[in-house]
Amino acid sequence: MAVQNTIEQKLSVLNPVHLSVDNESHMHSVPPNSETHFKVVLVSELFSGMRPVKRHQKVYGLLQEELSSGVHALALHIYTPEEWDGQMPESPACKGGNGK
């Protein structure tokens, strides 16, 4: 199973109102078809009353295996339904590697 699909499946336990997992590896200095850099936009009622660091820790805990076996970067944008207004944050251009 593709890493992106695994991430989506594992995060589905958070009962998301919205979940977007984008493989952004192509924007970085990695071989073609890599699955190393991801952006996650996750909206769930389960994050209500939870501080941002705790939200991130929850997601990192669910994705511990992926983070220890190939996923190099995980940009997390985590909201409650009340906080989310449909924004899909833009990712910055890669500044490292082979001149990308």
PDB file of N, CA and C in Angstrom:
ATOM      1  N   MET A   1       0.851  -1.182   0.000  1.00  0.00           N
ATOM      2  CA  MET A   1       0.000   0.000   0.000  1.00  0.00           C
ATOM      3  C   MET A   1       0.893   1.241   0.000  1.00  0.00           C
ATOM      4  N   ALA A   2       0.500   2.246  -0.750  1.00  0.00           N
ATOM      5  CA  ALA A   2       1.250   3.493  -0.819  1.00  0.00           C
ATOM      6  C   ALA A   2       1.248   4.172   0.547  1.00  0.00           C
ATOM      7  N   VAL A   3       2.335   4.864   0.847  1.00  0.00           N
ATOM      8  CA  VAL A   3       2.471   5.552   2.132  1.00  0.00           C
ATOM      9  C   VAL A   3       1.332   6.556   2.315  1.00  0.00           C
ATOM     10  N   GLN A   4       0.986   7.278   1.276  1.00  0.00           N
ATOM     11  CA  GLN A   4      -0.103   8.247   1.361  1.00  0.00           C
ATOM     12  C   GLN A   4      -1.403   7.567   1.790  1.00  0.00           C
ATOM     13  N   ASN A   5      -1.713   6.431   1.212  1.00  0.00           N
ATOM     14  CA  ASN A   5      -2.930   5.703   1.577  1.00  0.00           C
ATOM     15  C   ASN A   5      -2.871   5.214   3.019  1.00  0.00           C
ATOM     16  N   THR A   6      -1.700   4.773   3.454  1.00  0.00           N
ATOM     17  CA  THR A   6      -1.535   4.310   4.833  1.00  0.00           C
ATOM     18  C   THR A   6      -1.775   5.459   5.802  1.00  0.00           C
ATOM     19  N   ILE A   7      -1.228   6.634   5.499  1.00  0.00           N
ATOM     20  CA  ILE A   7      -1.430   7.804   6.350  1.00  0.00           C
ATOM     21  C   ILE A   7      -2.920   8.140   6.430  1.00  0.00           C
ATOM     22  N   GLU A   8      -3.586   8.160   5.296  1.00  0.00           N
ATOM     23  CA  GLU A   8      -5.029   8.456   5.271  1.00  0.00           C
ATOM     24  C   GLU A   8      -5.808   7.453   6.112  1.00  0.00           C
ATOM     25  N   GLN A   9      -5.465   6.194   5.960  1.00  0.00           N
ATOM     26  CA  GLN A   9      -6.164   5.142   6.706  1.00  0.00           C
ATOM     27  C   GLN A   9      -5.952   5.287   8.208  1.00  0.00           C
ATOM     28  N   LYS A  10      -4.719   5.523   8.617  1.00  0.00           N
ATOM     29  CA  LYS A  10      -4.426   5.640  10.045  1.00  0.00           C
ATOM     30  C   LYS A  10      -5.081   6.878  10.659  1.00  0.00           C
ATOM     31  N   LEU A  11      -5.131   7.977   9.923  1.00  0.00           N
ATOM     32  CA  LEU A  11      -5.727   9.196  10.453  1.00  0.00           C
ATOM     33  C   LEU A  11      -7.252   9.145  10.453  1.00  0.00           C
ATOM     34  N   SER A  12      -7.830   8.211   9.733  1.00  0.00           N
ATOM     35  CA  SER A  12      -9.291   8.097   9.699  1.00  0.00           C
ATOM     36  C   SER A  12      -9.868   7.733  11.070  1.00  0.00           C
ATOM     37  N   VAL A  13      -9.043   7.178  11.976  1.00  0.00           N
ATOM     38  CA  VAL A  13      -9.534   6.854  13.321  1.00  0.00           C
ATOM     39  C   VAL A  13      -9.878   8.110  14.122  1.00  0.00           C
ATOM     40  N   LEU A  14      -9.445   9.268  13.629  1.00  0.00           N
ATOM     41  CA  LEU A  14      -9.750  10.536  14.299  1.00  0.00           C
ATOM     42  C   LEU A  14     -11.090  11.110  13.852  1.00  0.00           C
ATOM     43  N   ASN A  15     -11.843  10.344  13.063  1.00  0.00           N
ATOM     44  CA  ASN A  15     -13.162  10.765  12.577  1.00  0.00           C
ATOM     45  C   ASN A  15     -13.128  12.162  11.962  1.00  0.00           C
ATOM     46  N   PRO A  16     -12.294  12.345  10.950  1.00  0.00           N
ATOM     47  CA  PRO A  16     -12.158  13.690  10.385  1.00  0.00           C
ATOM     48  C   PRO A  16     -13.404  14.176   9.656  1.00  0.00           C
ATOM     49  N   VAL A  17     -13.675  15.456   9.819  1.00  0.00           N
ATOM     50  CA  VAL A  17     -14.682  16.147   9.031  1.00  0.00           C
ATOM     51  C   VAL A  17     -14.080  16.424   7.662  1.00  0.00           C
ATOM     52  N   HIS A  18     -12.766  16.668   7.658  1.00  0.00           N
ATOM     53  CA  HIS A  18     -12.000  16.866   6.427  1.00  0.00           C
ATOM     54  C   HIS A  18     -10.614  16.283   6.634  1.00  0.00           C
ATOM     55  N   LEU A  19     -10.124  15.576   5.620  1.00  0.00           N
ATOM     56  CA  LEU A  19      -8.769  15.043   5.653  1.00  0.00           C
ATOM     57  C   LEU A  19      -8.182  15.135   4.254  1.00  0.00           C
ATOM     58  N   SER A  20      -7.058  15.806   4.160  1.00  0.00           N
ATOM     59  CA  SER A  20      -6.332  15.915   2.913  1.00  0.00           C
ATOM     60  C   SER A  20      -4.885  15.534   3.189  1.00  0.00           C
ATOM     61  N   VAL A  21      -4.380  14.533   2.473  1.00  0.00           N
ATOM     62  CA  VAL A  21      -2.988  14.120   2.592  1.00  0.00           C
ATOM     63  C   VAL A  21      -2.363  14.263   1.213  1.00  0.00           C
ATOM     64  N   ASP A  22      -1.430  15.202   1.099  1.00  0.00           N
ATOM     65  CA  ASP A  22      -0.800  15.479  -0.185  1.00  0.00           C
ATOM     66  C   ASP A  22       0.669  15.065  -0.151  1.00  0.00           C
ATOM     67  N   ASN A  23       1.049  14.248  -1.113  1.00  0.00           N
ATOM     68  CA  ASN A  23       2.447  13.865  -1.273  1.00  0.00           C
ATOM     69  C   ASN A  23       3.150  15.018  -1.976  1.00  0.00           C
ATOM     70  N   GLU A  24       4.014  15.710  -1.256  1.00  0.00           N
ATOM     71  CA  GLU A  24       4.741  16.857  -1.800  1.00  0.00           C
ATOM     72  C   GLU A  24       6.206  16.515  -2.081  1.00  0.00           C
ATOM     73  N   SER A  25       6.511  15.256  -2.155  1.00  0.00           N
ATOM     74  CA  SER A  25       7.887  14.824  -2.375  1.00  0.00           C
ATOM     75  C   SER A  25       8.461  15.385  -3.669  1.00  0.00           C
ATOM     76  N   HIS A  26       7.625  15.499  -4.693  1.00  0.00           N
ATOM     77  CA  HIS A  26       8.086  15.998  -5.990  1.00  0.00           C
ATOM     78  C   HIS A  26       8.619  17.427  -5.905  1.00  0.00           C
ATOM     79  N   MET A  27       8.298  18.140  -4.828  1.00  0.00           N
ATOM     80  CA  MET A  27       8.759  19.512  -4.646  1.00  0.00           C
ATOM     81  C   MET A  27      10.134  19.585  -3.973  1.00  0.00           C
ATOM     82  N   HIS A  28      10.723  18.430  -3.728  1.00  0.00           N
ATOM     83  CA  HIS A  28      11.981  18.367  -2.985  1.00  0.00           C
ATOM     84  C   HIS A  28      13.014  17.567  -3.763  1.00  0.00           C
ATOM     85  N   SER A  29      14.228  17.612  -3.277  1.00  0.00           N
ATOM     86  CA  SER A  29      15.338  16.924  -3.946  1.00  0.00           C
ATOM     87  C   SER A  29      15.384  15.456  -3.539  1.00  0.00           C
ATOM     88  N   VAL A  30      14.452  14.700  -4.073  1.00  0.00           N
ATOM     89  CA  VAL A  30      14.368  13.264  -3.819  1.00  0.00           C
ATOM     90  C   VAL A  30      14.160  12.554  -5.154  1.00  0.00           C
ATOM     91  N   PRO A  31      14.415  11.267  -5.206  1.00  0.00           N
ATOM     92  CA  PRO A  31      14.193  10.531  -6.462  1.00  0.00           C
ATOM     93  C   PRO A  31      12.723  10.580  -6.888  1.00  0.00           C
ATOM     94  N   PRO A  32      12.471  10.433  -8.193  1.00  0.00           N
ATOM     95  CA  PRO A  32      11.084  10.391  -8.681  1.00  0.00           C
ATOM     96  C   PRO A  32      10.273   9.306  -7.972  1.00  0.00           C
ATOM     97  N   ASN A  33       8.992   9.567  -7.789  1.00  0.00           N
ATOM     98  CA  ASN A  33       8.047   8.640  -7.165  1.00  0.00           C
ATOM     99  C   ASN A  33       8.319   8.393  -5.685  1.00  0.00           C
ATOM    100  N   SER A  34       9.033   9.301  -5.043  1.00  0.00           N
ATOM    101  CA  SER A  34       9.300   9.178  -3.605  1.00  0.00           C
ATOM    102  C   SER A  34       8.040   9.477  -2.798  1.00  0.00           C
ATOM    103  N   GLU A  35       8.014   8.967  -1.601  1.00  0.00           N
ATOM    104  CA  GLU A  35       6.939   9.249  -0.650  1.00  0.00           C
ATOM    105  C   GLU A  35       7.595   9.619   0.669  1.00  0.00           C
ATOM    106  N   THR A  36       8.191  10.808   0.692  1.00  0.00           N
ATOM    107  CA  THR A  36       8.977  11.235   1.844  1.00  0.00           C
ATOM    108  C   THR A  36       8.486  12.530   2.480  1.00  0.00           C
ATOM    109  N   HIS A  37       7.750  13.346   1.747  1.00  0.00           N
ATOM    110  CA  HIS A  37       7.303  14.651   2.223  1.00  0.00           C
ATOM    111  C   HIS A  37       5.790  14.760   2.028  1.00  0.00           C
ATOM    112  N   PHE A  38       5.064  15.013   3.126  1.00  0.00           N
ATOM    113  CA  PHE A  38       3.611  15.075   3.054  1.00  0.00           C
ATOM    114  C   PHE A  38       3.074  16.315   3.764  1.00  0.00           C
ATOM    115  N   LYS A  39       1.964  16.826   3.238  1.00  0.00           N
ATOM    116  CA  LYS A  39       1.198  17.882   3.908  1.00  0.00           C
ATOM    117  C   LYS A  39      -0.145  17.274   4.292  1.00  0.00           C
ATOM    118  N   VAL A  40      -0.511  17.453   5.556  1.00  0.00           N
ATOM    119  CA  VAL A  40      -1.781  16.936   6.062  1.00  0.00           C
ATOM    120  C   VAL A  40      -2.633  18.103   6.548  1.00  0.00           C
ATOM    121  N   VAL A  41      -3.849  18.185   6.034  1.00  0.00           N
ATOM    122  CA  VAL A  41      -4.852  19.108   6.556  1.00  0.00           C
ATOM    123  C   VAL A  41      -5.930  18.221   7.168  1.00  0.00           C
ATOM    124  N   LEU A  42      -6.103  18.362   8.480  1.00  0.00           N
ATOM    125  CA  LEU A  42      -6.978  17.466   9.231  1.00  0.00           C
ATOM    126  C   LEU A  42      -7.912  18.292  10.108  1.00  0.00           C
ATOM    127  N   VAL A  43      -9.201  18.034   9.969  1.00  0.00           N
ATOM    128  CA  VAL A  43     -10.221  18.731  10.756  1.00  0.00           C
ATOM    129  C   VAL A  43     -11.022  17.666  11.503  1.00  0.00           C
ATOM    130  N   SER A  44     -11.036  17.776  12.825  1.00  0.00           N
ATOM    131  CA  SER A  44     -11.762  16.791  13.623  1.00  0.00           C
ATOM    132  C   SER A  44     -12.276  17.421  14.911  1.00  0.00           C
ATOM    133  N   GLU A  45     -13.461  17.029  15.285  1.00  0.00           N
ATOM    134  CA  GLU A  45     -14.055  17.465  16.553  1.00  0.00           C
ATOM    135  C   GLU A  45     -13.223  16.961  17.732  1.00  0.00           C
ATOM    136  N   LEU A  46     -12.497  15.871  17.543  1.00  0.00           N
ATOM    137  CA  LEU A  46     -11.689  15.302  18.621  1.00  0.00           C
ATOM    138  C   LEU A  46     -10.595  16.255  19.107  1.00  0.00           C
ATOM    139  N   PHE A  47     -10.275  17.274  18.322  1.00  0.00           N
ATOM    140  CA  PHE A  47      -9.232  18.220  18.711  1.00  0.00           C
ATOM    141  C   PHE A  47      -9.770  19.384  19.549  1.00  0.00           C
ATOM    142  N   SER A  48     -11.081  19.434  19.759  1.00  0.00           N
ATOM    143  CA  SER A  48     -11.677  20.501  20.575  1.00  0.00           C
ATOM    144  C   SER A  48     -11.101  20.445  21.987  1.00  0.00           C
ATOM    145  N   GLY A  49     -10.661  21.599  22.464  1.00  0.00           N
ATOM    146  CA  GLY A  49     -10.103  21.682  23.811  1.00  0.00           C
ATOM    147  C   GLY A  49      -8.674  21.179  23.922  1.00  0.00           C
ATOM    148  N   MET A  50      -8.085  20.779  22.818  1.00  0.00           N
ATOM    149  CA  MET A  50      -6.730  20.237  22.818  1.00  0.00           C
ATOM    150  C   MET A  50      -5.765  21.302  22.304  1.00  0.00           C
ATOM    151  N   ARG A  51      -4.681  21.517  23.028  1.00  0.00           N
ATOM    152  CA  ARG A  51      -3.678  22.482  22.600  1.00  0.00           C
ATOM    153  C   ARG A  51      -2.983  21.989  21.336  1.00  0.00           C
ATOM    154  N   PRO A  52      -2.478  22.916  20.522  1.00  0.00           N
ATOM    155  CA  PRO A  52      -1.840  22.521  19.258  1.00  0.00           C
ATOM    156  C   PRO A  52      -0.741  21.468  19.409  1.00  0.00           C
ATOM    157  N   VAL A  53       0.086  21.572  20.419  1.00  0.00           N
ATOM    158  CA  VAL A  53       1.165  20.590  20.582  1.00  0.00           C
ATOM    159  C   VAL A  53       0.587  19.195  20.850  1.00  0.00           C
ATOM    160  N   LYS A  54      -0.496  19.114  21.592  1.00  0.00           N
ATOM    161  CA  LYS A  54      -1.136  17.821  21.865  1.00  0.00           C
ATOM    162  C   LYS A  54      -1.764  17.242  20.600  1.00  0.00           C
ATOM    163  N   ARG A  55      -2.296  18.096  19.747  1.00  0.00           N
ATOM    164  CA  ARG A  55      -2.861  17.645  18.470  1.00  0.00           C
ATOM    165  C   ARG A  55      -1.762  17.010  17.619  1.00  0.00           C
ATOM    166  N   HIS A  56      -0.630  17.707  17.541  1.00  0.00           N
ATOM    167  CA  HIS A  56       0.494  17.194  16.758  1.00  0.00           C
ATOM    168  C   HIS A  56       1.010  15.877  17.337  1.00  0.00           C
ATOM    169  N   GLN A  57       1.122  15.816  18.647  1.00  0.00           N
ATOM    170  CA  GLN A  57       1.587  14.585  19.292  1.00  0.00           C
ATOM    171  C   GLN A  57       0.659  13.415  18.995  1.00  0.00           C
ATOM    172  N   LYS A  58      -0.633  13.677  18.954  1.00  0.00           N
ATOM    173  CA  LYS A  58      -1.620  12.633  18.640  1.00  0.00           C
ATOM    174  C   LYS A  58      -1.375  12.080  17.230  1.00  0.00           C
ATOM    175  N   VAL A  59      -1.180  12.972  16.270  1.00  0.00           N
ATOM    176  CA  VAL A  59      -0.947  12.553  14.887  1.00  0.00           C
ATOM    177  C   VAL A  59       0.400  11.845  14.769  1.00  0.00           C
ATOM    178  N   TYR A  60       1.441  12.402  15.394  1.00  0.00           N
ATOM    179  CA  TYR A  60       2.756  11.757  15.348  1.00  0.00           C
ATOM    180  C   TYR A  60       2.693  10.347  15.940  1.00  0.00           C
ATOM    181  N   GLY A  61       1.922  10.186  16.997  1.00  0.00           N
ATOM    182  CA  GLY A  61       1.773   8.866  17.610  1.00  0.00           C
ATOM    183  C   GLY A  61       1.148   7.869  16.658  1.00  0.00           C
ATOM    184  N   LEU A  62       0.139   8.300  15.921  1.00  0.00           N
ATOM    185  CA  LEU A  62      -0.523   7.417  14.963  1.00  0.00           C
ATOM    186  C   LEU A  62       0.373   7.064  13.783  1.00  0.00           C
ATOM    187  N   LEU A  63       1.292   7.969  13.439  1.00  0.00           N
ATOM    188  CA  LEU A  63       2.138   7.775  12.256  1.00  0.00           C
ATOM    189  C   LEU A  63       3.583   7.456  12.616  1.00  0.00           C
ATOM    190  N   GLN A  64       3.800   6.968  13.818  1.00  0.00           N
ATOM    191  CA  GLN A  64       5.149   6.680  14.296  1.00  0.00           C
ATOM    192  C   GLN A  64       5.920   5.746  13.359  1.00  0.00           C
ATOM    193  N   GLU A  65       5.270   4.709  12.876  1.00  0.00           N
ATOM    194  CA  GLU A  65       5.927   3.745  11.982  1.00  0.00           C
ATOM    195  C   GLU A  65       6.383   4.415  10.682  1.00  0.00           C
ATOM    196  N   GLU A  66       5.526   5.233  10.099  1.00  0.00           N
ATOM    197  CA  GLU A  66       5.867   5.901   8.842  1.00  0.00           C
ATOM    198  C   GLU A  66       6.995   6.916   9.045  1.00  0.00           C
ATOM    199  N   LEU A  67       6.961   7.617  10.168  1.00  0.00           N
ATOM    200  CA  LEU A  67       7.986   8.617  10.458  1.00  0.00           C
ATOM    201  C   LEU A  67       9.346   7.984  10.751  1.00  0.00           C
ATOM    202  N   SER A  68       9.339   6.748  11.180  1.00  0.00           N
ATOM    203  CA  SER A  68      10.613   6.074  11.460  1.00  0.00           C
ATOM    204  C   SER A  68      11.088   5.214  10.292  1.00  0.00           C
ATOM    205  N   SER A  69      10.311   5.185   9.211  1.00  0.00           N
ATOM    206  CA  SER A  69      10.705   4.313   8.100  1.00  0.00           C
ATOM    207  C   SER A  69      10.542   4.963   6.736  1.00  0.00           C
ATOM    208  N   GLY A  70      10.940   6.228   6.630  1.00  0.00           N
ATOM    209  CA  GLY A  70      10.965   6.825   5.305  1.00  0.00           C
ATOM    210  C   GLY A  70      10.318   8.171   5.148  1.00  0.00           C
ATOM    211  N   VAL A  71       9.294   8.490   5.944  1.00  0.00           N
ATOM    212  CA  VAL A  71       8.683   9.814   5.831  1.00  0.00           C
ATOM    213  C   VAL A  71       9.621  10.798   6.515  1.00  0.00           C
ATOM    214  N   HIS A  72      10.121  11.729   5.723  1.00  0.00           N
ATOM    215  CA  HIS A  72      11.123  12.681   6.200  1.00  0.00           C
ATOM    216  C   HIS A  72      10.478  13.954   6.742  1.00  0.00           C
ATOM    217  N   ALA A  73       9.373  14.375   6.130  1.00  0.00           N
ATOM    218  CA  ALA A  73       8.737  15.624   6.528  1.00  0.00           C
ATOM    219  C   ALA A  73       7.224  15.468   6.522  1.00  0.00           C
ATOM    220  N   LEU A  74       6.611  16.028   7.557  1.00  0.00           N
ATOM    221  CA  LEU A  74       5.165  15.952   7.703  1.00  0.00           C
ATOM    222  C   LEU A  74       4.677  17.331   8.154  1.00  0.00           C
ATOM    223  N   ALA A  75       4.101  18.082   7.225  1.00  0.00           N
ATOM    224  CA  ALA A  75       3.553  19.403   7.536  1.00  0.00           C
ATOM    225  C   ALA A  75       2.114  19.212   8.000  1.00  0.00           C
ATOM    226  N   LEU A  76       1.854  19.556   9.250  1.00  0.00           N
ATOM    227  CA  LEU A  76       0.530  19.334   9.826  1.00  0.00           C
ATOM    228  C   LEU A  76      -0.226  20.647   9.983  1.00  0.00           C
ATOM    229  N   HIS A  77      -1.449  20.650   9.481  1.00  0.00           N
ATOM    230  CA  HIS A  77      -2.374  21.766   9.641  1.00  0.00           C
ATOM    231  C   HIS A  77      -3.631  21.152  10.246  1.00  0.00           C
ATOM    232  N   ILE A  78      -3.794  21.317  11.554  1.00  0.00           N
ATOM    233  CA  ILE A  78      -4.817  20.592  12.314  1.00  0.00           C
ATOM    234  C   ILE A  78      -5.798  21.586  12.932  1.00  0.00           C
ATOM    235  N   TYR A  79      -7.084  21.341  12.686  1.00  0.00           N
ATOM    236  CA  TYR A  79      -8.119  22.264  13.126  1.00  0.00           C
ATOM    237  C   TYR A  79      -9.304  21.521  13.741  1.00  0.00           C
ATOM    238  N   THR A  80     -10.073  22.250  14.536  1.00  0.00           N
ATOM    239  CA  THR A  80     -11.405  21.792  14.913  1.00  0.00           C
ATOM    240  C   THR A  80     -12.353  22.304  13.824  1.00  0.00           C
ATOM    241  N   PRO A  81     -13.557  21.773  13.729  1.00  0.00           N
ATOM    242  CA  PRO A  81     -14.496  22.289  12.725  1.00  0.00           C
ATOM    243  C   PRO A  81     -14.767  23.796  12.891  1.00  0.00           C
ATOM    244  N   GLU A  82     -14.776  24.277  14.129  1.00  0.00           N
ATOM    245  CA  GLU A  82     -15.023  25.699  14.383  1.00  0.00           C
ATOM    246  C   GLU A  82     -13.853  26.566  13.908  1.00  0.00           C
ATOM    247  N   GLU A  83     -12.652  26.041  13.955  1.00  0.00           N
ATOM    248  CA  GLU A  83     -11.463  26.796  13.548  1.00  0.00           C
ATOM    249  C   GLU A  83     -11.252  26.814  12.039  1.00  0.00           C
ATOM    250  N   TRP A  84     -11.693  25.771  11.391  1.00  0.00           N
ATOM    251  CA  TRP A  84     -11.380  25.600   9.966  1.00  0.00           C
ATOM    252  C   TRP A  84     -12.345  26.381   9.099  1.00  0.00           C
ATOM    253  N   ASP A  85     -11.804  27.154   8.185  1.00  0.00           N
ATOM    254  CA  ASP A  85     -12.654  27.906   7.265  1.00  0.00           C
ATOM    255  C   ASP A  85     -12.392  27.499   5.819  1.00  0.00           C
ATOM    256  N   GLY A  86     -11.921  26.281   5.642  1.00  0.00           N
ATOM    257  CA  GLY A  86     -11.677  25.773   4.301  1.00  0.00           C
ATOM    258  C   GLY A  86     -10.297  26.084   3.762  1.00  0.00           C
ATOM    259  N   GLN A  87      -9.461  26.710   4.576  1.00  0.00           N
ATOM    260  CA  GLN A  87      -8.136  27.069   4.097  1.00  0.00           C
ATOM    261  C   GLN A  87      -7.291  25.833   3.811  1.00  0.00           C
ATOM    262  N   MET A  88      -6.547  25.912   2.734  1.00  0.00           N
ATOM    263  CA  MET A  88      -5.601  24.859   2.357  1.00  0.00           C
ATOM    264  C   MET A  88      -4.246  25.555   2.239  1.00  0.00           C
ATOM    265  N   PRO A  89      -3.498  25.606   3.321  1.00  0.00           N
ATOM    266  CA  PRO A  89      -2.245  26.366   3.338  1.00  0.00           C
ATOM    267  C   PRO A  89      -1.296  25.967   2.210  1.00  0.00           C
ATOM    268  N   GLU A  90      -0.668  26.972   1.621  1.00  0.00           N
ATOM    269  CA  GLU A  90       0.335  26.735   0.584  1.00  0.00           C
ATOM    270  C   GLU A  90       1.621  26.252   1.237  1.00  0.00           C
ATOM    271  N   SER A  91       2.318  25.380   0.563  1.00  0.00           N
ATOM    272  CA  SER A  91       3.591  24.897   1.064  1.00  0.00           C
ATOM    273  C   SER A  91       4.716  25.725   0.467  1.00  0.00           C
ATOM    274  N   PRO A  92       5.730  26.026   1.276  1.00  0.00           N
ATOM    275  CA  PRO A  92       6.856  26.798   0.749  1.00  0.00           C
ATOM    276  C   PRO A  92       7.681  25.965  -0.218  1.00  0.00           C
ATOM    277  N   ALA A  93       8.403  26.648  -1.083  1.00  0.00           N
ATOM    278  CA  ALA A  93       9.298  25.957  -2.019  1.00  0.00           C
ATOM    279  C   ALA A  93      10.482  25.369  -1.241  1.00  0.00           C
ATOM    280  N   CYS A  94      10.985  24.267  -1.720  1.00  0.00           N
ATOM    281  CA  CYS A  94      12.148  23.621  -1.111  1.00  0.00           C
ATOM    282  C   CYS A  94      13.364  24.533  -1.293  1.00  0.00           C
ATOM    283  N   LYS A  95      14.134  24.706  -0.225  1.00  0.00           N
ATOM    284  CA  LYS A  95      15.319  25.547  -0.291  1.00  0.00           C
ATOM    285  C   LYS A  95      16.598  24.734  -0.190  1.00  0.00           C
ATOM    286  N   GLY A  96      16.474  23.432  -0.066  1.00  0.00           N
ATOM    287  CA  GLY A  96      17.676  22.615   0.098  1.00  0.00           C
ATOM    288  C   GLY A  96      17.901  21.698  -1.078  1.00  0.00           C
ATOM    289  N   GLY A  97      18.853  20.828  -0.922  1.00  0.00           N
ATOM    290  CA  GLY A  97      19.089  19.792  -1.916  1.00  0.00           C
ATOM    291  C   GLY A  97      19.824  20.267  -3.141  1.00  0.00           C
ATOM    292  N   ASN A  98      19.432  19.776  -4.277  1.00  0.00           N
ATOM    293  CA  ASN A  98      20.150  19.971  -5.536  1.00  0.00           C
ATOM    294  C   ASN A  98      19.637  21.150  -6.347  1.00  0.00           C
ATOM    295  N   GLY A  99      19.387  22.249  -5.704  1.00  0.00           N
ATOM    296  CA  GLY A  99      19.000  23.454  -6.421  1.00  0.00           C
ATOM    297  C   GLY A  99      17.542  23.545  -6.790  1.00  0.00           C
ATOM    298  N   LYS A 100      16.699  22.718  -6.234  1.00  0.00           N
ATOM    299  CA  LYS A 100      15.262  22.824  -6.508  1.00  0.00           C
ATOM    300  C   LYS A 100      14.676  24.002  -5.785  1.00  0.00           C
TER     301      LYS A 100
END
